[in-house]
Amino acid sequence: AVNICSMVFGNLGHDSGTGVIFTRNPNTG
């Protein structure tokens, strides 16, 4: 499939950003 999504910007200033999060520790569970 192709996903087309309106942009939000992580590089707009120091109150925006990007990252990866998990609700559990992927190493230990």
PDB file of all heavy atoms in Angstrom:
ATOM      1  N   ALA A   1       0.855  -1.189   0.000  1.00  0.00           N
ATOM      2  CA  ALA A   1       0.000   0.000   0.000  1.00  0.00           C
ATOM      3  C   ALA A   1       0.891   1.239   0.000  1.00  0.00           C
ATOM      4  O   ALA A   1       2.101   1.150   0.220  1.00  0.00           O
ATOM      5  CB  ALA A   1      -0.893  -0.021   1.234  1.00  0.00           C
ATOM      6  N   VAL A   2       0.271   2.393  -0.256  1.00  0.00           N
ATOM      7  CA  VAL A   2       0.972   3.682  -0.187  1.00  0.00           C
ATOM      8  C   VAL A   2       0.233   4.539   0.829  1.00  0.00           C
ATOM      9  O   VAL A   2      -0.991   4.711   0.726  1.00  0.00           O
ATOM     10  CB  VAL A   2       0.950   4.409  -1.557  1.00  0.00           C
ATOM     11  CG1 VAL A   2       1.765   5.696  -1.491  1.00  0.00           C
ATOM     12  CG2 VAL A   2       1.458   3.514  -2.671  1.00  0.00           C
ATOM     13  N   ASN A   3       0.964   5.070   1.814  1.00  0.00           N
ATOM     14  CA  ASN A   3       0.345   5.934   2.819  1.00  0.00           C
ATOM     15  C   ASN A   3       0.744   7.383   2.587  1.00  0.00           C
ATOM     16  O   ASN A   3       1.928   7.704   2.564  1.00  0.00           O
ATOM     17  CB  ASN A   3       0.773   5.495   4.217  1.00  0.00           C
ATOM     18  CG  ASN A   3       0.325   4.077   4.510  1.00  0.00           C
ATOM     19  OD1 ASN A   3      -0.862   3.808   4.589  1.00  0.00           O
ATOM     20  ND2 ASN A   3       1.273   3.158   4.621  1.00  0.00           N
ATOM     21  N   ILE A   4      -0.267   8.230   2.396  1.00  0.00           N
ATOM     22  CA  ILE A   4      -0.029   9.655   2.148  1.00  0.00           C
ATOM     23  C   ILE A   4      -0.612  10.424   3.330  1.00  0.00           C
ATOM     24  O   ILE A   4      -1.807  10.328   3.622  1.00  0.00           O
ATOM     25  CB  ILE A   4      -0.678  10.077   0.809  1.00  0.00           C
ATOM     26  CG1 ILE A   4       0.069   9.361  -0.339  1.00  0.00           C
ATOM     27  CG2 ILE A   4      -0.637  11.591   0.622  1.00  0.00           C
ATOM     28  CD1 ILE A   4      -0.672   9.244  -1.619  1.00  0.00           C
ATOM     29  N   CYS A   5       0.253  11.139   4.022  1.00  0.00           N
ATOM     30  CA  CYS A   5      -0.133  11.729   5.313  1.00  0.00           C
ATOM     31  C   CYS A   5       0.291  13.197   5.356  1.00  0.00           C
ATOM     32  O   CYS A   5       1.405  13.527   4.933  1.00  0.00           O
ATOM     33  CB  CYS A   5       0.583  10.936   6.418  1.00  0.00           C
ATOM     34  SG  CYS A   5       0.119  11.397   8.073  1.00  0.00           S
ATOM     35  N   SER A   6      -0.594  14.071   5.849  1.00  0.00           N
ATOM     36  CA  SER A   6      -0.212  15.487   5.923  1.00  0.00           C
ATOM     37  C   SER A   6       0.968  15.645   6.888  1.00  0.00           C
ATOM     38  O   SER A   6       1.029  14.974   7.915  1.00  0.00           O
ATOM     39  CB  SER A   6      -1.403  16.346   6.358  1.00  0.00           C
ATOM     40  OG  SER A   6      -2.040  15.783   7.466  1.00  0.00           O
ATOM     41  N   MET A   7       1.895  16.522   6.533  1.00  0.00           N
ATOM     42  CA  MET A   7       3.137  16.657   7.293  1.00  0.00           C
ATOM     43  C   MET A   7       2.923  17.375   8.625  1.00  0.00           C
ATOM     44  O   MET A   7       2.166  18.331   8.732  1.00  0.00           O
ATOM     45  CB  MET A   7       4.163  17.478   6.488  1.00  0.00           C
ATOM     46  CG  MET A   7       4.907  16.704   5.430  1.00  0.00           C
ATOM     47  SD  MET A   7       5.996  15.400   6.072  1.00  0.00           S
ATOM     48  CE  MET A   7       7.131  16.341   7.086  1.00  0.00           C
ATOM     49  N   VAL A   8       3.620  16.887   9.630  1.00  0.00           N
ATOM     50  CA  VAL A   8       3.870  17.672  10.849  1.00  0.00           C
ATOM     51  C   VAL A   8       5.389  17.774  10.930  1.00  0.00           C
ATOM     52  O   VAL A   8       6.099  16.914  10.411  1.00  0.00           O
ATOM     53  CB  VAL A   8       3.293  17.012  12.115  1.00  0.00           C
ATOM     54  CG1 VAL A   8       1.791  17.119  12.144  1.00  0.00           C
ATOM     55  CG2 VAL A   8       3.722  15.564  12.219  1.00  0.00           C
ATOM     56  N   PHE A   9       5.881  18.827  11.565  1.00  0.00           N
ATOM     57  CA  PHE A   9       7.314  19.111  11.449  1.00  0.00           C
ATOM     58  C   PHE A   9       8.049  18.986  12.765  1.00  0.00           C
ATOM     59  O   PHE A   9       7.725  19.656  13.738  1.00  0.00           O
ATOM     60  CB  PHE A   9       7.512  20.516  10.877  1.00  0.00           C
ATOM     61  CG  PHE A   9       6.853  20.680   9.541  1.00  0.00           C
ATOM     62  CD1 PHE A   9       5.626  21.304   9.418  1.00  0.00           C
ATOM     63  CD2 PHE A   9       7.462  20.179   8.397  1.00  0.00           C
ATOM     64  CE1 PHE A   9       5.009  21.432   8.180  1.00  0.00           C
ATOM     65  CE2 PHE A   9       6.849  20.302   7.157  1.00  0.00           C
ATOM     66  CZ  PHE A   9       5.626  20.932   7.051  1.00  0.00           C
ATOM     67  N   GLY A  10       9.049  18.112  12.762  1.00  0.00           N
ATOM     68  CA  GLY A  10       9.888  17.963  13.946  1.00  0.00           C
ATOM     69  C   GLY A  10      11.036  18.955  13.962  1.00  0.00           C
ATOM     70  O   GLY A  10      11.722  19.090  14.963  1.00  0.00           O
ATOM     71  N   ASN A  11      11.221  19.648  12.825  1.00  0.00           N
ATOM     72  CA  ASN A  11      12.388  20.538  12.716  1.00  0.00           C
ATOM     73  C   ASN A  11      11.989  22.009  12.694  1.00  0.00           C
ATOM     74  O   ASN A  11      12.651  22.847  12.108  1.00  0.00           O
ATOM     75  CB  ASN A  11      13.197  20.193  11.452  1.00  0.00           C
ATOM     76  CG  ASN A  11      12.369  20.275  10.174  1.00  0.00           C
ATOM     77  OD1 ASN A  11      11.155  20.127  10.217  1.00  0.00           O
ATOM     78  ND2 ASN A  11      13.015  20.505   9.040  1.00  0.00           N
ATOM     79  N   LEU A  12      10.866  22.326  13.354  1.00  0.00           N
ATOM     80  CA  LEU A  12      10.332  23.690  13.325  1.00  0.00           C
ATOM     81  C   LEU A  12      10.939  24.572  14.415  1.00  0.00           C
ATOM     82  O   LEU A  12      10.749  25.768  14.446  1.00  0.00           O
ATOM     83  CB  LEU A  12       8.804  23.633  13.459  1.00  0.00           C
ATOM     84  CG  LEU A  12       7.984  24.876  13.180  1.00  0.00           C
ATOM     85  CD1 LEU A  12       8.437  25.584  11.910  1.00  0.00           C
ATOM     86  CD2 LEU A  12       6.511  24.533  13.058  1.00  0.00           C
ATOM     87  N   GLY A  13      11.660  23.958  15.348  1.00  0.00           N
ATOM     88  CA  GLY A  13      12.244  24.727  16.451  1.00  0.00           C
ATOM     89  C   GLY A  13      12.534  23.794  17.600  1.00  0.00           C
ATOM     90  O   GLY A  13      12.368  22.578  17.483  1.00  0.00           O
ATOM     91  N   HIS A  14      12.948  24.357  18.727  1.00  0.00           N
ATOM     92  CA  HIS A  14      13.359  23.491  19.836  1.00  0.00           C
ATOM     93  C   HIS A  14      12.191  22.952  20.661  1.00  0.00           C
ATOM     94  O   HIS A  14      12.385  22.183  21.601  1.00  0.00           O
ATOM     95  CB  HIS A  14      14.401  24.206  20.705  1.00  0.00           C
ATOM     96  CG  HIS A  14      15.716  24.322  19.974  1.00  0.00           C
ATOM     97  ND1 HIS A  14      16.544  23.236  19.768  1.00  0.00           N
ATOM     98  CD2 HIS A  14      16.295  25.367  19.336  1.00  0.00           C
ATOM     99  CE1 HIS A  14      17.593  23.614  19.058  1.00  0.00           C
ATOM    100  NE2 HIS A  14      17.462  24.904  18.773  1.00  0.00           N
ATOM    101  N   ASP A  15      10.950  23.350  20.294  1.00  0.00           N
ATOM    102  CA  ASP A  15       9.791  22.752  20.977  1.00  0.00           C
ATOM    103  C   ASP A  15       9.118  21.727  20.071  1.00  0.00           C
ATOM    104  O   ASP A  15       7.985  21.330  20.293  1.00  0.00           O
ATOM    105  CB  ASP A  15       8.791  23.838  21.403  1.00  0.00           C
ATOM    106  CG  ASP A  15       8.300  24.655  20.208  1.00  0.00           C
ATOM    107  OD1 ASP A  15       8.882  24.511  19.107  1.00  0.00           O
ATOM    108  OD2 ASP A  15       7.343  25.431  20.386  1.00  0.00           O
ATOM    109  N   SER A  16       9.823  21.300  19.010  1.00  0.00           N
ATOM    110  CA  SER A  16       9.307  20.203  18.178  1.00  0.00           C
ATOM    111  C   SER A  16      10.409  19.163  18.058  1.00  0.00           C
ATOM    112  O   SER A  16      11.567  19.439  18.359  1.00  0.00           O
ATOM    113  CB  SER A  16       8.888  20.738  16.804  1.00  0.00           C
ATOM    114  OG  SER A  16       9.972  21.354  16.152  1.00  0.00           O
ATOM    115  N   GLY A  17      10.046  17.971  17.628  1.00  0.00           N
ATOM    116  CA  GLY A  17      11.075  16.928  17.564  1.00  0.00           C
ATOM    117  C   GLY A  17      10.567  15.653  16.924  1.00  0.00           C
ATOM    118  O   GLY A  17       9.482  15.594  16.352  1.00  0.00           O
ATOM    119  N   THR A  18      11.376  14.634  17.040  1.00  0.00           N
ATOM    120  CA  THR A  18      11.057  13.329  16.444  1.00  0.00           C
ATOM    121  C   THR A  18      11.613  12.252  17.368  1.00  0.00           C
ATOM    122  O   THR A  18      12.475  12.529  18.200  1.00  0.00           O
ATOM    123  CB  THR A  18      11.699  13.229  15.036  1.00  0.00           C
ATOM    124  OG1 THR A  18      11.325  11.981  14.454  1.00  0.00           O
ATOM    125  CG2 THR A  18      13.223  13.293  15.085  1.00  0.00           C
ATOM    126  N   GLY A  19      11.123  11.047  17.228  1.00  0.00           N
ATOM    127  CA  GLY A  19      11.662   9.983  18.075  1.00  0.00           C
ATOM    128  C   GLY A  19      10.893   8.685  17.930  1.00  0.00           C
ATOM    129  O   GLY A  19       9.991   8.565  17.104  1.00  0.00           O
ATOM    130  N   VAL A  20      11.278   7.730  18.751  1.00  0.00           N
ATOM    131  CA  VAL A  20      10.652   6.396  18.751  1.00  0.00           C
ATOM    132  C   VAL A  20      10.373   6.033  20.201  1.00  0.00           C
ATOM    133  O   VAL A  20      11.266   6.154  21.045  1.00  0.00           O
ATOM    134  CB  VAL A  20      11.617   5.343  18.146  1.00  0.00           C
ATOM    135  CG1 VAL A  20      10.993   3.965  18.179  1.00  0.00           C
ATOM    136  CG2 VAL A  20      12.005   5.721  16.727  1.00  0.00           C
ATOM    137  N   ILE A  21       9.149   5.608  20.496  1.00  0.00           N
ATOM    138  CA  ILE A  21       8.869   5.174  21.873  1.00  0.00           C
ATOM    139  C   ILE A  21       8.109   3.857  21.920  1.00  0.00           C
ATOM    140  O   ILE A  21       7.379   3.512  21.002  1.00  0.00           O
ATOM    141  CB  ILE A  21       8.089   6.212  22.720  1.00  0.00           C
ATOM    142  CG1 ILE A  21       6.995   6.861  21.893  1.00  0.00           C
ATOM    143  CG2 ILE A  21       9.000   7.204  23.385  1.00  0.00           C
ATOM    144  CD1 ILE A  21       6.119   7.791  22.693  1.00  0.00           C
ATOM    145  N   PHE A  22       8.316   3.155  23.022  1.00  0.00           N
ATOM    146  CA  PHE A  22       7.643   1.877  23.296  1.00  0.00           C
ATOM    147  C   PHE A  22       6.941   1.990  24.647  1.00  0.00           C
ATOM    148  O   PHE A  22       7.393   2.728  25.512  1.00  0.00           O
ATOM    149  CB  PHE A  22       8.673   0.735  23.402  1.00  0.00           C
ATOM    150  CG  PHE A  22       9.511   0.552  22.166  1.00  0.00           C
ATOM    151  CD1 PHE A  22      10.669   1.301  21.979  1.00  0.00           C
ATOM    152  CD2 PHE A  22       9.164  -0.378  21.194  1.00  0.00           C
ATOM    153  CE1 PHE A  22      11.462   1.136  20.840  1.00  0.00           C
ATOM    154  CE2 PHE A  22       9.947  -0.546  20.055  1.00  0.00           C
ATOM    155  CZ  PHE A  22      11.091   0.205  19.887  1.00  0.00           C
ATOM    156  N   THR A  23       5.851   1.230  24.811  1.00  0.00           N
ATOM    157  CA  THR A  23       5.190   1.227  26.120  1.00  0.00           C
ATOM    158  C   THR A  23       5.847   0.183  27.040  1.00  0.00           C
ATOM    159  O   THR A  23       5.548   0.111  28.211  1.00  0.00           O
ATOM    160  CB  THR A  23       3.687   0.902  25.986  1.00  0.00           C
ATOM    161  OG1 THR A  23       3.567  -0.381  25.349  1.00  0.00           O
ATOM    162  CG2 THR A  23       2.968   1.938  25.136  1.00  0.00           C
ATOM    163  N   ARG A  24       6.726  -0.639  26.467  1.00  0.00           N
ATOM    164  CA  ARG A  24       7.497  -1.619  27.257  1.00  0.00           C
ATOM    165  C   ARG A  24       8.947  -1.538  26.825  1.00  0.00           C
ATOM    166  O   ARG A  24       9.239  -1.142  25.699  1.00  0.00           O
ATOM    167  CB  ARG A  24       7.008  -3.058  26.980  1.00  0.00           C
ATOM    168  CG  ARG A  24       5.515  -3.276  27.155  1.00  0.00           C
ATOM    169  CD  ARG A  24       5.174  -3.499  28.600  1.00  0.00           C
ATOM    170  NE  ARG A  24       3.745  -3.382  28.830  1.00  0.00           N
ATOM    171  CZ  ARG A  24       3.043  -4.261  29.528  1.00  0.00           C
ATOM    172  NH1 ARG A  24       3.629  -5.334  30.019  1.00  0.00           N
ATOM    173  NH2 ARG A  24       1.770  -4.071  29.744  1.00  0.00           N
ATOM    174  N   ASN A  25       9.831  -1.984  27.695  1.00  0.00           N
ATOM    175  CA  ASN A  25      11.241  -2.068  27.324  1.00  0.00           C
ATOM    176  C   ASN A  25      11.401  -3.233  26.341  1.00  0.00           C
ATOM    177  O   ASN A  25      11.159  -4.384  26.698  1.00  0.00           O
ATOM    178  CB  ASN A  25      12.093  -2.305  28.583  1.00  0.00           C
ATOM    179  CG  ASN A  25      13.574  -2.346  28.267  1.00  0.00           C
ATOM    180  OD1 ASN A  25      13.998  -2.886  27.249  1.00  0.00           O
ATOM    181  ND2 ASN A  25      14.363  -1.787  29.155  1.00  0.00           N
ATOM    182  N   PRO A  26      11.789  -2.971  25.076  1.00  0.00           N
ATOM    183  CA  PRO A  26      11.849  -4.060  24.088  1.00  0.00           C
ATOM    184  C   PRO A  26      12.939  -5.092  24.401  1.00  0.00           C
ATOM    185  O   PRO A  26      12.902  -6.205  23.884  1.00  0.00           O
ATOM    186  CB  PRO A  26      12.142  -3.341  22.769  1.00  0.00           C
ATOM    187  CG  PRO A  26      12.654  -2.005  23.136  1.00  0.00           C
ATOM    188  CD  PRO A  26      12.158  -1.662  24.491  1.00  0.00           C
ATOM    189  N   ASN A  27      13.895  -4.722  25.250  1.00  0.00           N
ATOM    190  CA  ASN A  27      14.974  -5.671  25.593  1.00  0.00           C
ATOM    191  C   ASN A  27      14.576  -6.632  26.709  1.00  0.00           C
ATOM    192  O   ASN A  27      14.949  -7.805  26.692  1.00  0.00           O
ATOM    193  CB  ASN A  27      16.236  -4.908  26.021  1.00  0.00           C
ATOM    194  CG  ASN A  27      16.657  -3.904  24.962  1.00  0.00           C
ATOM    195  OD1 ASN A  27      16.701  -4.228  23.785  1.00  0.00           O
ATOM    196  ND2 ASN A  27      16.921  -2.671  25.370  1.00  0.00           N
ATOM    197  N   THR A  28      13.797  -6.124  27.679  1.00  0.00           N
ATOM    198  CA  THR A  28      13.484  -6.962  28.852  1.00  0.00           C
ATOM    199  C   THR A  28      11.989  -7.280  28.968  1.00  0.00           C
ATOM    200  O   THR A  28      11.602  -8.166  29.725  1.00  0.00           O
ATOM    201  CB  THR A  28      13.898  -6.226  30.144  1.00  0.00           C
ATOM    202  OG1 THR A  28      13.099  -5.028  30.255  1.00  0.00           O
ATOM    203  CG2 THR A  28      15.374  -5.849  30.119  1.00  0.00           C
ATOM    204  N   GLY A  29      11.153  -6.529  28.229  1.00  0.00           N
ATOM    205  CA  GLY A  29       9.705  -6.729  28.349  1.00  0.00           C
ATOM    206  C   GLY A  29       9.115  -6.014  29.546  1.00  0.00           C
ATOM    207  O   GLY A  29       7.908  -6.033  29.780  1.00  0.00           O
TER     208      GLY A  29
END
